[in-house]
Amino acid sequence: MAIALAKKTRKTEVDLHVVESGIPLPTTLFRYPFKEMKVGDSFAFAQGKEITLRGCANLYSSRHEGVKFTISKAACRCWRVA
């Protein structure tokens, strides 16, 4: 009986996915304003988001030659340094 219940739960989870059309794509792939930043610019970020931000900054830097960022956990800020 537990197996039947698990299968039913799994089926209802699948039923929650609704296919939609006409939804526009996001205008940016990055959630942080890296593209708009010039050397010396910075922005504040939410406390506890340092690891996510660091990963996003590294990804952006790897795709854009010569662009570098530094992040301060204490100040909750990210600066473009190159």
PDB file of N, CA and C in Angstrom:
ATOM      1  N   MET A   1       0.821  -1.197   0.000  1.00  0.00           N
ATOM      2  CA  MET A   1       0.000   0.000   0.000  1.00  0.00           C
ATOM      3  C   MET A   1       0.867   1.264   0.000  1.00  0.00           C
ATOM      4  N   ALA A   2       2.009   1.226   0.673  1.00  0.00           N
ATOM      5  CA  ALA A   2       2.908   2.380   0.679  1.00  0.00           C
ATOM      6  C   ALA A   2       3.450   2.651  -0.718  1.00  0.00           C
ATOM      7  N   ILE A   3       3.667   1.608  -1.487  1.00  0.00           N
ATOM      8  CA  ILE A   3       4.170   1.774  -2.846  1.00  0.00           C
ATOM      9  C   ILE A   3       3.134   2.497  -3.712  1.00  0.00           C
ATOM     10  N   ALA A   4       1.891   2.128  -3.593  1.00  0.00           N
ATOM     11  CA  ALA A   4       0.835   2.775  -4.370  1.00  0.00           C
ATOM     12  C   ALA A   4       0.725   4.248  -4.005  1.00  0.00           C
ATOM     13  N   LEU A   5       0.877   4.577  -2.729  1.00  0.00           N
ATOM     14  CA  LEU A   5       0.817   5.956  -2.283  1.00  0.00           C
ATOM     15  C   LEU A   5       1.980   6.761  -2.863  1.00  0.00           C
ATOM     16  N   ALA A   6       3.175   6.170  -2.876  1.00  0.00           N
ATOM     17  CA  ALA A   6       4.344   6.851  -3.433  1.00  0.00           C
ATOM     18  C   ALA A   6       4.150   7.110  -4.925  1.00  0.00           C
ATOM     19  N   LYS A   7       3.610   6.163  -5.639  1.00  0.00           N
ATOM     20  CA  LYS A   7       3.367   6.352  -7.064  1.00  0.00           C
ATOM     21  C   LYS A   7       2.351   7.465  -7.305  1.00  0.00           C
ATOM     22  N   LYS A   8       1.323   7.517  -6.474  1.00  0.00           N
ATOM     23  CA  LYS A   8       0.311   8.561  -6.634  1.00  0.00           C
ATOM     24  C   LYS A   8       0.933   9.940  -6.375  1.00  0.00           C
ATOM     25  N   THR A   9       1.759  10.051  -5.344  1.00  0.00           N
ATOM     26  CA  THR A   9       2.419  11.321  -5.036  1.00  0.00           C
ATOM     27  C   THR A   9       3.300  11.747  -6.198  1.00  0.00           C
ATOM     28  N   ARG A  10       4.063  10.815  -6.728  1.00  0.00           N
ATOM     29  CA  ARG A  10       4.928  11.119  -7.851  1.00  0.00           C
ATOM     30  C   ARG A  10       4.108  11.603  -9.046  1.00  0.00           C
ATOM     31  N   LYS A  11       2.973  10.986  -9.300  1.00  0.00           N
ATOM     32  CA  LYS A  11       2.130  11.379 -10.425  1.00  0.00           C
ATOM     33  C   LYS A  11       1.586  12.790 -10.237  1.00  0.00           C
ATOM     34  N   THR A  12       1.175  13.158  -9.035  1.00  0.00           N
ATOM     35  CA  THR A  12       0.644  14.504  -8.824  1.00  0.00           C
ATOM     36  C   THR A  12       1.739  15.547  -8.958  1.00  0.00           C
ATOM     37  N   GLU A  13       2.982  15.218  -8.597  1.00  0.00           N
ATOM     38  CA  GLU A  13       4.077  16.159  -8.788  1.00  0.00           C
ATOM     39  C   GLU A  13       4.297  16.426 -10.274  1.00  0.00           C
ATOM     40  N   VAL A  14       4.209  15.396 -11.094  1.00  0.00           N
ATOM     41  CA  VAL A  14       4.373  15.554 -12.542  1.00  0.00           C
ATOM     42  C   VAL A  14       3.224  16.380 -13.108  1.00  0.00           C
ATOM     43  N   ASP A  15       2.028  16.202 -12.599  1.00  0.00           N
ATOM     44  CA  ASP A  15       0.864  16.932 -13.086  1.00  0.00           C
ATOM     45  C   ASP A  15       0.964  18.433 -12.811  1.00  0.00           C
ATOM     46  N   LEU A  16       1.807  18.853 -11.884  1.00  0.00           N
ATOM     47  CA  LEU A  16       1.946  20.262 -11.557  1.00  0.00           C
ATOM     48  C   LEU A  16       2.712  21.039 -12.629  1.00  0.00           C
ATOM     49  N   HIS A  17       3.417  20.357 -13.512  1.00  0.00           N
ATOM     50  CA  HIS A  17       4.177  21.020 -14.566  1.00  0.00           C
ATOM     51  C   HIS A  17       3.233  21.339 -15.727  1.00  0.00           C
ATOM     52  N   VAL A  18       3.029  22.616 -15.966  1.00  0.00           N
ATOM     53  CA  VAL A  18       2.127  23.057 -17.014  1.00  0.00           C
ATOM     54  C   VAL A  18       2.956  23.638 -18.152  1.00  0.00           C
ATOM     55  N   VAL A  19       2.713  23.187 -19.358  1.00  0.00           N
ATOM     56  CA  VAL A  19       3.407  23.703 -20.534  1.00  0.00           C
ATOM     57  C   VAL A  19       2.718  24.985 -20.967  1.00  0.00           C
ATOM     58  N   GLU A  20       3.518  26.048 -21.143  1.00  0.00           N
ATOM     59  CA  GLU A  20       2.965  27.337 -21.530  1.00  0.00           C
ATOM     60  C   GLU A  20       3.711  27.857 -22.748  1.00  0.00           C
ATOM     61  N   SER A  21       3.071  28.681 -23.531  1.00  0.00           N
ATOM     62  CA  SER A  21       3.726  29.315 -24.671  1.00  0.00           C
ATOM     63  C   SER A  21       3.533  30.817 -24.579  1.00  0.00           C
ATOM     64  N   GLY A  22       4.376  31.552 -25.291  1.00  0.00           N
ATOM     65  CA  GLY A  22       4.263  33.001 -25.309  1.00  0.00           C
ATOM     66  C   GLY A  22       4.926  33.688 -24.123  1.00  0.00           C
ATOM     67  N   ILE A  23       5.713  32.975 -23.327  1.00  0.00           N
ATOM     68  CA  ILE A  23       6.422  33.560 -22.189  1.00  0.00           C
ATOM     69  C   ILE A  23       7.777  34.044 -22.695  1.00  0.00           C
ATOM     70  N   PRO A  24       8.078  35.357 -22.594  1.00  0.00           N
ATOM     71  CA  PRO A  24       9.359  35.857 -23.106  1.00  0.00           C
ATOM     72  C   PRO A  24      10.541  35.403 -22.255  1.00  0.00           C
ATOM     73  N   LEU A  25      11.692  35.259 -22.912  1.00  0.00           N
ATOM     74  CA  LEU A  25      12.919  34.910 -22.206  1.00  0.00           C
ATOM     75  C   LEU A  25      13.387  36.095 -21.374  1.00  0.00           C
ATOM     76  N   PRO A  26      14.113  35.838 -20.277  1.00  0.00           N
ATOM     77  CA  PRO A  26      14.673  36.949 -19.509  1.00  0.00           C
ATOM     78  C   PRO A  26      15.629  37.769 -20.375  1.00  0.00           C
ATOM     79  N   THR A  27      15.737  39.058 -20.098  1.00  0.00           N
ATOM     80  CA  THR A  27      16.591  39.921 -20.915  1.00  0.00           C
ATOM     81  C   THR A  27      18.063  39.752 -20.568  1.00  0.00           C
ATOM     82  N   THR A  28      18.386  39.202 -19.415  1.00  0.00           N
ATOM     83  CA  THR A  28      19.770  39.002 -19.022  1.00  0.00           C
ATOM     84  C   THR A  28      19.959  37.597 -18.479  1.00  0.00           C
ATOM     85  N   LEU A  29      21.147  37.058 -18.695  1.00  0.00           N
ATOM     86  CA  LEU A  29      21.451  35.739 -18.157  1.00  0.00           C
ATOM     87  C   LEU A  29      22.031  35.816 -16.758  1.00  0.00           C
ATOM     88  N   PHE A  30      22.467  37.004 -16.353  1.00  0.00           N
ATOM     89  CA  PHE A  30      23.102  37.163 -15.053  1.00  0.00           C
ATOM     90  C   PHE A  30      22.188  37.916 -14.105  1.00  0.00           C
ATOM     91  N   ARG A  31      22.155  37.510 -12.864  1.00  0.00           N
ATOM     92  CA  ARG A  31      21.316  38.186 -11.880  1.00  0.00           C
ATOM     93  C   ARG A  31      22.017  39.373 -11.230  1.00  0.00           C
ATOM     94  N   TYR A  32      23.296  39.550 -11.524  1.00  0.00           N
ATOM     95  CA  TYR A  32      24.076  40.656 -10.984  1.00  0.00           C
ATOM     96  C   TYR A  32      24.491  41.580 -12.138  1.00  0.00           C
ATOM     97  N   PRO A  33      24.742  42.876 -11.875  1.00  0.00           N
ATOM     98  CA  PRO A  33      24.963  43.849 -12.957  1.00  0.00           C
ATOM     99  C   PRO A  33      26.393  43.888 -13.505  1.00  0.00           C
ATOM    100  N   PHE A  34      27.014  42.743 -13.719  1.00  0.00           N
ATOM    101  CA  PHE A  34      28.407  42.697 -14.184  1.00  0.00           C
ATOM    102  C   PHE A  34      28.594  43.425 -15.511  1.00  0.00           C
ATOM    103  N   LYS A  35      27.662  43.249 -16.429  1.00  0.00           N
ATOM    104  CA  LYS A  35      27.790  43.811 -17.770  1.00  0.00           C
ATOM    105  C   LYS A  35      27.833  45.337 -17.748  1.00  0.00           C
ATOM    106  N   GLU A  36      27.107  45.966 -16.840  1.00  0.00           N
ATOM    107  CA  GLU A  36      27.040  47.425 -16.774  1.00  0.00           C
ATOM    108  C   GLU A  36      28.205  48.046 -16.011  1.00  0.00           C
ATOM    109  N   MET A  37      29.013  47.231 -15.330  1.00  0.00           N
ATOM    110  CA  MET A  37      30.062  47.761 -14.455  1.00  0.00           C
ATOM    111  C   MET A  37      31.317  48.155 -15.214  1.00  0.00           C
ATOM    112  N   LYS A  38      31.901  49.277 -14.787  1.00  0.00           N
ATOM    113  CA  LYS A  38      33.214  49.716 -15.263  1.00  0.00           C
ATOM    114  C   LYS A  38      34.198  49.523 -14.120  1.00  0.00           C
ATOM    115  N   VAL A  39      35.494  49.535 -14.399  1.00  0.00           N
ATOM    116  CA  VAL A  39      36.514  49.372 -13.368  1.00  0.00           C
ATOM    117  C   VAL A  39      36.293  50.427 -12.281  1.00  0.00           C
ATOM    118  N   GLY A  40      36.253  49.981 -11.031  1.00  0.00           N
ATOM    119  CA  GLY A  40      36.039  50.869  -9.893  1.00  0.00           C
ATOM    120  C   GLY A  40      34.598  50.883  -9.404  1.00  0.00           C
ATOM    121  N   ASP A  41      33.652  50.415 -10.225  1.00  0.00           N
ATOM    122  CA  ASP A  41      32.250  50.354  -9.811  1.00  0.00           C
ATOM    123  C   ASP A  41      32.047  49.205  -8.829  1.00  0.00           C
ATOM    124  N   SER A  42      31.040  49.342  -7.965  1.00  0.00           N
ATOM    125  CA  SER A  42      30.718  48.275  -7.021  1.00  0.00           C
ATOM    126  C   SER A  42      29.218  48.223  -6.799  1.00  0.00           C
ATOM    127  N   PHE A  43      28.764  47.140  -6.206  1.00  0.00           N
ATOM    128  CA  PHE A  43      27.365  47.025  -5.793  1.00  0.00           C
ATOM    129  C   PHE A  43      27.297  46.215  -4.515  1.00  0.00           C
ATOM    130  N   ALA A  44      26.242  46.468  -3.738  1.00  0.00           N
ATOM    131  CA  ALA A  44      26.018  45.744  -2.491  1.00  0.00           C
ATOM    132  C   ALA A  44      25.256  44.460  -2.796  1.00  0.00           C
ATOM    133  N   PHE A  45      25.467  43.449  -1.969  1.00  0.00           N
ATOM    134  CA  PHE A  45      24.722  42.206  -2.117  1.00  0.00           C
ATOM    135  C   PHE A  45      24.221  41.761  -0.752  1.00  0.00           C
ATOM    136  N   ALA A  46      23.229  40.909  -0.744  1.00  0.00           N
ATOM    137  CA  ALA A  46      22.608  40.439   0.489  1.00  0.00           C
ATOM    138  C   ALA A  46      23.565  39.550   1.275  1.00  0.00           C
ATOM    139  N   GLN A  47      23.542  39.728   2.581  1.00  0.00           N
ATOM    140  CA  GLN A  47      24.380  38.905   3.448  1.00  0.00           C
ATOM    141  C   GLN A  47      24.007  37.439   3.257  1.00  0.00           C
ATOM    142  N   GLY A  48      25.020  36.588   3.177  1.00  0.00           N
ATOM    143  CA  GLY A  48      24.794  35.164   2.975  1.00  0.00           C
ATOM    144  C   GLY A  48      24.800  34.742   1.509  1.00  0.00           C
ATOM    145  N   LYS A  49      24.933  35.678   0.590  1.00  0.00           N
ATOM    146  CA  LYS A  49      24.936  35.378  -0.845  1.00  0.00           C
ATOM    147  C   LYS A  49      26.344  35.403  -1.431  1.00  0.00           C
ATOM    148  N   GLU A  50      27.364  35.455  -0.591  1.00  0.00           N
ATOM    149  CA  GLU A  50      28.738  35.589  -1.076  1.00  0.00           C
ATOM    150  C   GLU A  50      29.147  34.425  -1.989  1.00  0.00           C
ATOM    151  N   ILE A  51      28.832  33.208  -1.609  1.00  0.00           N
ATOM    152  CA  ILE A  51      29.262  32.050  -2.393  1.00  0.00           C
ATOM    153  C   ILE A  51      28.587  32.051  -3.763  1.00  0.00           C
ATOM    154  N   THR A  52      27.290  32.350  -3.801  1.00  0.00           N
ATOM    155  CA  THR A  52      26.574  32.421  -5.082  1.00  0.00           C
ATOM    156  C   THR A  52      27.147  33.529  -5.956  1.00  0.00           C
ATOM    157  N   LEU A  53      27.372  34.693  -5.352  1.00  0.00           N
ATOM    158  CA  LEU A  53      27.926  35.825  -6.090  1.00  0.00           C
ATOM    159  C   LEU A  53      29.318  35.509  -6.614  1.00  0.00           C
ATOM    160  N   ARG A  54      30.140  34.890  -5.781  1.00  0.00           N
ATOM    161  CA  ARG A  54      31.508  34.549  -6.198  1.00  0.00           C
ATOM    162  C   ARG A  54      31.481  33.616  -7.411  1.00  0.00           C
ATOM    163  N   GLY A  55      30.592  32.642  -7.397  1.00  0.00           N
ATOM    164  CA  GLY A  55      30.461  31.734  -8.537  1.00  0.00           C
ATOM    165  C   GLY A  55      30.015  32.443  -9.796  1.00  0.00           C
ATOM    166  N   CYS A  56      29.039  33.341  -9.658  1.00  0.00           N
ATOM    167  CA  CYS A  56      28.556  34.102 -10.817  1.00  0.00           C
ATOM    168  C   CYS A  56      29.647  35.029 -11.356  1.00  0.00           C
ATOM    169  N   ALA A  57      30.399  35.672 -10.456  1.00  0.00           N
ATOM    170  CA  ALA A  57      31.482  36.566 -10.877  1.00  0.00           C
ATOM    171  C   ALA A  57      32.574  35.779 -11.602  1.00  0.00           C
ATOM    172  N   ASN A  58      32.909  34.609 -11.090  1.00  0.00           N
ATOM    173  CA  ASN A  58      33.916  33.771 -11.748  1.00  0.00           C
ATOM    174  C   ASN A  58      33.449  33.325 -13.130  1.00  0.00           C
ATOM    175  N   LEU A  59      32.196  32.952 -13.247  1.00  0.00           N
ATOM    176  CA  LEU A  59      31.646  32.548 -14.546  1.00  0.00           C
ATOM    177  C   LEU A  59      31.695  33.712 -15.533  1.00  0.00           C
ATOM    178  N   TYR A  60      31.283  34.897 -15.094  1.00  0.00           N
ATOM    179  CA  TYR A  60      31.307  36.069 -15.976  1.00  0.00           C
ATOM    180  C   TYR A  60      32.741  36.378 -16.400  1.00  0.00           C
ATOM    181  N   SER A  61      33.681  36.337 -15.446  1.00  0.00           N
ATOM    182  CA  SER A  61      35.090  36.612 -15.756  1.00  0.00           C
ATOM    183  C   SER A  61      35.657  35.608 -16.754  1.00  0.00           C
ATOM    184  N   SER A  62      35.260  34.345 -16.621  1.00  0.00           N
ATOM    185  CA  SER A  62      35.781  33.327 -17.534  1.00  0.00           C
ATOM    186  C   SER A  62      35.266  33.512 -18.958  1.00  0.00           C
ATOM    187  N   ARG A  63      34.123  34.147 -19.104  1.00  0.00           N
ATOM    188  CA  ARG A  63      33.538  34.372 -20.430  1.00  0.00           C
ATOM    189  C   ARG A  63      33.921  35.720 -21.030  1.00  0.00           C
ATOM    190  N   HIS A  64      34.526  36.603 -20.227  1.00  0.00           N
ATOM    191  CA  HIS A  64      34.885  37.946 -20.679  1.00  0.00           C
ATOM    192  C   HIS A  64      36.338  38.214 -20.308  1.00  0.00           C
ATOM    193  N   GLU A  65      37.201  38.036 -21.264  1.00  0.00           N
ATOM    194  CA  GLU A  65      38.645  38.145 -21.043  1.00  0.00           C
ATOM    195  C   GLU A  65      39.029  39.500 -20.451  1.00  0.00           C
ATOM    196  N   GLY A  66      39.853  39.481 -19.399  1.00  0.00           N
ATOM    197  CA  GLY A  66      40.356  40.698 -18.777  1.00  0.00           C
ATOM    198  C   GLY A  66      39.449  41.304 -17.717  1.00  0.00           C
ATOM    199  N   VAL A  67      38.263  40.754 -17.519  1.00  0.00           N
ATOM    200  CA  VAL A  67      37.338  41.274 -16.509  1.00  0.00           C
ATOM    201  C   VAL A  67      37.558  40.516 -15.203  1.00  0.00           C
ATOM    202  N   LYS A  68      37.769  41.270 -14.107  1.00  0.00           N
ATOM    203  CA  LYS A  68      38.013  40.663 -12.786  1.00  0.00           C
ATOM    204  C   LYS A  68      37.174  41.378 -11.734  1.00  0.00           C
ATOM    205  N   PHE A  69      36.782  40.647 -10.700  1.00  0.00           N
ATOM    206  CA  PHE A  69      36.010  41.192  -9.599  1.00  0.00           C
ATOM    207  C   PHE A  69      36.652  40.793  -8.279  1.00  0.00           C
ATOM    208  N   THR A  70      36.408  41.599  -7.254  1.00  0.00           N
ATOM    209  CA  THR A  70      36.787  41.222  -5.900  1.00  0.00           C
ATOM    210  C   THR A  70      35.556  41.403  -5.025  1.00  0.00           C
ATOM    211  N   ILE A  71      35.427  40.538  -4.039  1.00  0.00           N
ATOM    212  CA  ILE A  71      34.234  40.512  -3.198  1.00  0.00           C
ATOM    213  C   ILE A  71      34.641  40.629  -1.742  1.00  0.00           C
ATOM    214  N   SER A  72      33.960  41.490  -0.996  1.00  0.00           N
ATOM    215  CA  SER A  72      34.192  41.631   0.435  1.00  0.00           C
ATOM    216  C   SER A  72      32.982  41.101   1.181  1.00  0.00           C
ATOM    217  N   LYS A  73      33.190  40.010   1.911  1.00  0.00           N
ATOM    218  CA  LYS A  73      32.106  39.438   2.708  1.00  0.00           C
ATOM    219  C   LYS A  73      31.736  40.388   3.845  1.00  0.00           C
ATOM    220  N   ALA A  74      32.730  41.029   4.459  1.00  0.00           N
ATOM    221  CA  ALA A  74      32.491  41.930   5.587  1.00  0.00           C
ATOM    222  C   ALA A  74      31.677  43.152   5.166  1.00  0.00           C
ATOM    223  N   ALA A  75      31.992  43.716   4.007  1.00  0.00           N
ATOM    224  CA  ALA A  75      31.282  44.917   3.527  1.00  0.00           C
ATOM    225  C   ALA A  75      30.052  44.557   2.691  1.00  0.00           C
ATOM    226  N   CYS A  76      29.896  43.288   2.326  1.00  0.00           N
ATOM    227  CA  CYS A  76      28.801  42.846   1.443  1.00  0.00           C
ATOM    228  C   CYS A  76      28.786  43.655   0.149  1.00  0.00           C
ATOM    229  N   ARG A  77      29.983  43.778  -0.468  1.00  0.00           N
ATOM    230  CA  ARG A  77      30.112  44.529  -1.717  1.00  0.00           C
ATOM    231  C   ARG A  77      30.972  43.751  -2.698  1.00  0.00           C
ATOM    232  N   CYS A  78      30.711  43.999  -3.988  1.00  0.00           N
ATOM    233  CA  CYS A  78      31.492  43.421  -5.073  1.00  0.00           C
ATOM    234  C   CYS A  78      31.998  44.567  -5.936  1.00  0.00           C
ATOM    235  N   TRP A  79      33.308  44.578  -6.204  1.00  0.00           N
ATOM    236  CA  TRP A  79      33.923  45.608  -7.027  1.00  0.00           C
ATOM    237  C   TRP A  79      34.478  45.002  -8.314  1.00  0.00           C
ATOM    238  N   ARG A  80      34.396  45.758  -9.403  1.00  0.00           N
ATOM    239  CA  ARG A  80      35.110  45.374 -10.611  1.00  0.00           C
ATOM    240  C   ARG A  80      36.494  46.002 -10.514  1.00  0.00           C
ATOM    241  N   VAL A  81      37.535  45.172 -10.607  1.00  0.00           N
ATOM    242  CA  VAL A  81      38.907  45.648 -10.448  1.00  0.00           C
ATOM    243  C   VAL A  81      39.700  45.625 -11.749  1.00  0.00           C
ATOM    244  N   ALA A  82      39.207  44.984 -12.772  1.00  0.00           N
ATOM    245  CA  ALA A  82      39.881  44.973 -14.076  1.00  0.00           C
ATOM    246  C   ALA A  82      38.846  44.733 -15.164  1.00  0.00           C
TER     247      ALA A  82
END
